[in-house]
Protein backbone atom coordinates (compact mmCIF):
# COMPACT_ATOMS: atom_id res chain seq x y z
CA MET A 1 68.81 108.66 53.66
CA LEU A 2 70.52 105.31 53.16
CA LEU A 3 73.94 106.37 54.48
CA PRO A 4 72.73 107.67 57.90
CA ALA A 5 70.69 104.50 58.37
CA LEU A 6 73.68 102.37 57.44
CA ASN A 7 75.94 104.27 59.86
CA ALA A 8 73.38 103.90 62.64
CA ALA A 9 73.20 100.16 62.01
CA ARG A 10 76.98 99.89 62.14
CA ASP A 11 77.12 101.88 65.38
CA LYS A 12 74.50 99.61 66.91
CA ALA A 13 76.41 96.51 65.83
CA ARG A 14 79.67 97.85 67.31
CA SER A 15 77.92 98.67 70.58
CA ALA A 16 76.49 95.14 70.71
CA GLN A 17 79.97 93.71 70.17
CA CYS A 18 81.32 95.96 72.93
CA LEU A 19 78.68 94.63 75.33
CA SER A 20 79.57 91.09 74.28
CA ASN A 21 83.26 91.79 74.97
CA GLN A 22 82.50 93.01 78.47
CA LYS A 23 80.25 90.04 79.12
CA GLN A 24 83.16 87.73 78.27
CA ILE A 25 85.36 89.73 80.62
CA GLY A 26 82.66 89.27 83.25
CA TYR A 27 82.76 85.49 82.82
CA GLY A 28 86.50 85.64 83.36
CA LEU A 29 86.32 87.84 86.45
CA ILE A 30 83.55 85.83 88.07
CA GLY A 31 85.44 82.64 87.24
CA TYR A 32 88.50 84.15 88.93
CA THR A 33 86.55 84.62 92.18
CA GLY A 34 85.68 80.94 92.09
CA ASN A 35 89.36 80.02 92.01
CA TYR A 36 90.60 82.58 94.56
CA ASN A 37 88.40 82.22 97.63
CA ASP A 38 85.78 84.65 96.31
CA TYR A 39 88.25 87.52 95.75
CA PHE A 40 88.32 89.61 92.59
CA PRO A 41 91.79 90.25 91.15
CA LEU A 42 93.74 93.27 92.35
CA TYR A 43 93.95 96.02 89.75
CA ASP A 44 97.73 95.47 89.87
CA THR A 45 99.50 92.49 91.38
CA PRO A 46 102.35 93.12 93.86
CA ASP A 47 104.65 92.54 90.87
CA GLY A 48 102.85 95.27 88.93
CA ASP A 49 100.98 93.01 86.48
CA LYS A 50 97.66 94.49 85.39
CA TRP A 51 94.36 92.74 86.11
CA SER A 52 93.83 92.43 82.35
CA ASP A 53 97.15 90.59 82.02
CA VAL A 54 96.25 88.23 84.87
CA LEU A 55 92.80 87.54 83.43
CA VAL A 56 93.95 86.83 79.86
CA THR A 57 96.82 84.69 81.16
CA GLN A 58 94.65 82.60 83.49
CA THR A 59 91.34 82.34 81.60
CA LYS A 60 91.10 79.69 78.93
CA ASP A 61 89.80 80.97 75.57
CA LEU A 62 89.70 84.63 76.69
CA LYS A 63 91.41 86.53 73.89
CA LEU A 64 93.18 89.84 74.25
CA SER A 65 90.98 91.26 71.49
CA VAL A 66 87.93 91.29 73.83
CA MET A 67 89.69 94.00 75.84
CA ILE A 68 89.30 96.40 72.89
CA CYS A 69 86.11 98.33 72.09
CA PRO A 70 85.13 98.06 68.40
CA SER A 71 83.96 101.69 68.44
CA ALA A 72 87.28 103.07 69.68
CA LYS A 73 89.34 105.16 67.30
CA PRO A 74 92.48 103.40 66.04
CA ASN A 75 95.67 104.07 68.01
CA GLN A 76 99.04 102.40 68.45
CA TYR A 77 97.71 100.09 71.15
CA ASN A 78 94.34 98.86 69.92
CA THR A 79 95.62 98.41 66.38
CA ARG A 80 98.13 95.93 67.72
CA PHE A 81 95.62 94.21 69.99
CA ARG A 82 93.14 93.68 67.16
CA THR A 83 95.65 91.65 65.17
CA GLY A 84 95.36 88.89 67.75
CA GLU A 85 99.00 89.29 68.70
CA THR A 86 99.99 87.61 71.95
CA LEU A 87 101.60 89.92 74.50
CA PHE A 88 104.21 88.62 76.89
CA HIS A 89 103.19 88.34 80.54
CA GLY A 90 103.97 91.62 82.30
CA SER A 91 103.75 93.79 79.17
CA VAL A 92 103.02 97.46 79.89
CA TRP A 93 100.62 97.38 76.93
CA TYR A 94 98.01 95.68 79.13
CA THR A 95 97.60 99.15 80.66
CA TYR A 96 95.94 100.50 77.51
CA ILE A 97 92.94 98.22 77.11
CA GLU A 98 89.58 99.97 76.64
CA TYR A 99 87.54 98.67 79.55
CA GLY A 100 88.36 100.15 82.93
CA TYR A 101 88.07 98.11 86.12
CA ASN A 102 86.43 99.56 89.25
CA LEU A 103 89.72 100.28 90.98
CA GLY A 104 88.68 101.93 94.21
CA TYR A 105 86.04 99.49 95.43
CA ILE A 106 86.47 96.17 93.56
CA GLY A 107 90.09 95.97 92.36
CA SER A 108 91.44 97.36 95.63
CA SER A 109 90.38 98.83 98.97
CA TYR A 110 91.54 102.33 98.02
CA TYR A 111 88.17 103.96 98.81
CA ARG A 112 87.17 101.51 101.51
CA GLY A 113 89.69 102.68 104.12
CA VAL A 114 91.28 99.27 104.72
CA SER A 115 93.94 99.24 102.02
CA ASN A 116 97.59 98.29 102.32
CA TYR A 117 99.42 100.89 100.24
CA ALA A 118 102.53 98.72 100.00
CA ILE A 119 100.56 95.91 98.31
CA ARG A 120 98.59 97.85 95.68
CA HIS A 121 95.89 98.87 98.16
CA ALA A 122 95.04 95.22 98.89
CA PRO A 123 92.77 93.51 99.57
CA SER A 124 90.45 93.50 96.59
CA ALA A 125 86.74 92.94 97.16
CA LYS A 126 85.12 89.58 97.67
CA MET A 127 81.97 88.73 95.75
CA THR A 128 80.13 88.03 99.01
CA GLN A 129 80.87 91.58 100.21
CA ILE A 130 78.87 93.15 97.40
CA ARG A 131 75.36 93.91 98.61
CA THR A 132 73.77 94.56 95.20
CA PRO A 133 75.84 92.97 92.41
CA SER A 134 73.30 93.96 89.74
CA ARG A 135 73.87 97.66 90.62
CA THR A 136 77.63 97.63 91.29
CA LEU A 137 79.89 98.63 88.40
CA LEU A 138 82.64 96.17 87.53
CA THR A 139 84.00 97.54 84.22
CA ALA A 140 82.96 100.19 81.69
CA ASP A 141 84.18 102.05 78.60
CA SER A 142 87.33 103.86 79.68
CA ALA A 143 90.13 106.13 78.54
CA VAL A 144 93.22 107.77 79.99
CA SER A 145 91.21 111.00 80.18
CA ILE A 146 87.70 112.05 79.14
CA GLY A 147 87.56 112.15 75.35
CA SER A 148 91.00 110.56 74.91
CA ALA A 149 91.50 108.03 72.11
CA THR A 150 93.69 105.89 74.38
CA GLY A 151 92.03 103.34 76.66
CA TYR A 152 92.98 102.70 80.26
CA TYR A 153 92.77 99.61 82.46
CA VAL A 154 91.17 101.16 85.56
CA LEU A 155 88.35 103.58 86.32
CA TYR A 156 88.06 106.17 89.05
CA PRO A 157 84.61 107.16 90.37
CA ILE A 158 85.42 110.87 90.10
CA LYS A 159 86.56 113.21 87.37
CA GLY A 160 90.22 114.09 87.14
CA ASN A 161 92.43 111.03 87.57
CA ASN A 162 93.95 108.87 84.88
CA GLY A 163 91.28 106.28 84.17
CA GLN A 164 88.07 108.04 83.18
CA LEU A 165 84.70 107.07 81.76
CA THR A 166 84.45 107.72 78.04
CA VAL A 167 81.51 107.87 75.63
CA ARG A 168 81.93 105.81 72.45
CA HIS A 169 78.37 104.73 71.65
CA ASN A 170 76.03 107.57 70.66
CA ARG A 171 75.91 109.23 74.10
CA LYS A 172 76.00 105.93 75.93
CA ILE A 173 78.59 104.15 78.06
CA ASN A 174 78.58 100.37 78.09
CA VAL A 175 78.84 98.82 81.53
CA LEU A 176 79.57 95.38 82.97
CA TRP A 177 77.88 94.90 86.33
CA THR A 178 79.21 92.65 89.08
CA ASP A 179 76.47 90.04 88.61
CA GLY A 180 77.69 89.55 85.01
CA HIS A 181 75.00 91.39 83.04
CA CYS A 182 75.78 94.34 80.77
CA SER A 183 73.88 97.50 79.82
CA ALA A 184 74.23 100.73 77.85
CA GLU A 185 73.80 103.78 80.09
CA ASP A 186 72.81 107.27 78.91
CA VAL A 187 75.18 110.24 79.16
CA ARG A 188 73.78 113.56 77.94
CA ASN A 189 77.09 115.42 77.85
CA PRO A 190 80.07 113.28 76.75
CA LEU A 191 82.43 115.76 78.42
CA GLU A 192 80.68 115.37 81.80
CA PRO A 193 79.96 111.66 82.29
CA TYR A 194 80.22 111.99 86.08
CA THR A 195 77.61 114.75 86.38
CA GLY A 196 73.85 114.14 86.43
CA THR A 197 74.18 110.55 85.24
CA ILE A 198 74.03 107.08 86.75
CA PHE A 199 77.79 107.43 87.31
CA ASP A 200 77.34 110.45 89.59
CA LYS A 201 78.09 109.28 93.15
CA THR A 202 75.79 111.94 94.58
CA ILE A 203 72.77 110.41 92.78
CA GLU A 204 73.32 106.66 93.07
CA ASN A 205 76.65 105.23 94.16
CA ILE A 206 77.02 102.33 91.74
CA TRP A 207 80.76 102.19 92.49
CA ASP A 208 80.61 101.13 96.16
CA LEU A 209 79.96 97.67 97.55
CA GLU A 210 77.30 98.84 100.00
């Protein structure tokens, strides 16, 4: 009986650390809007730098290690990140962090019908455009594909693209909301996080600004 209880306690502690990581990312993203006329960063800059690269580079005391979920299985990317190693600006490795950014509505205008394809679907969203920040997803646990051990820097609101929701915390996905608070959201079937859950656009569209 002791071992299951110990494992449950460890899982809970890792989930709490994951939420703390995303909260720190939230401080960085909200701070960014204060420095850039209320705009969130683009998911990629025109030079191709990832939002995670921009945020770590520009935010004092934000360490690369907060981009890695403590519950994620070890892989070639997160093992390196956890050492505290400093990546050079522009490194492709910033692609494989473990918290995906709301690409289509916050990090670009891809789903808002006003995007400039030549400039990474600019513009990104402004904080003042977001009607309900406490119910608009900013980042969440992510992977290249559902169930993959490799993280990914953006999230799509539908199943199928690179950049998918992933369940790492006992049938829960940890979420950073645009107002800066974090929560753990239930997912009954880890293989179907977009169906019958809070992430299902047909139930409640937490991805859009409206």
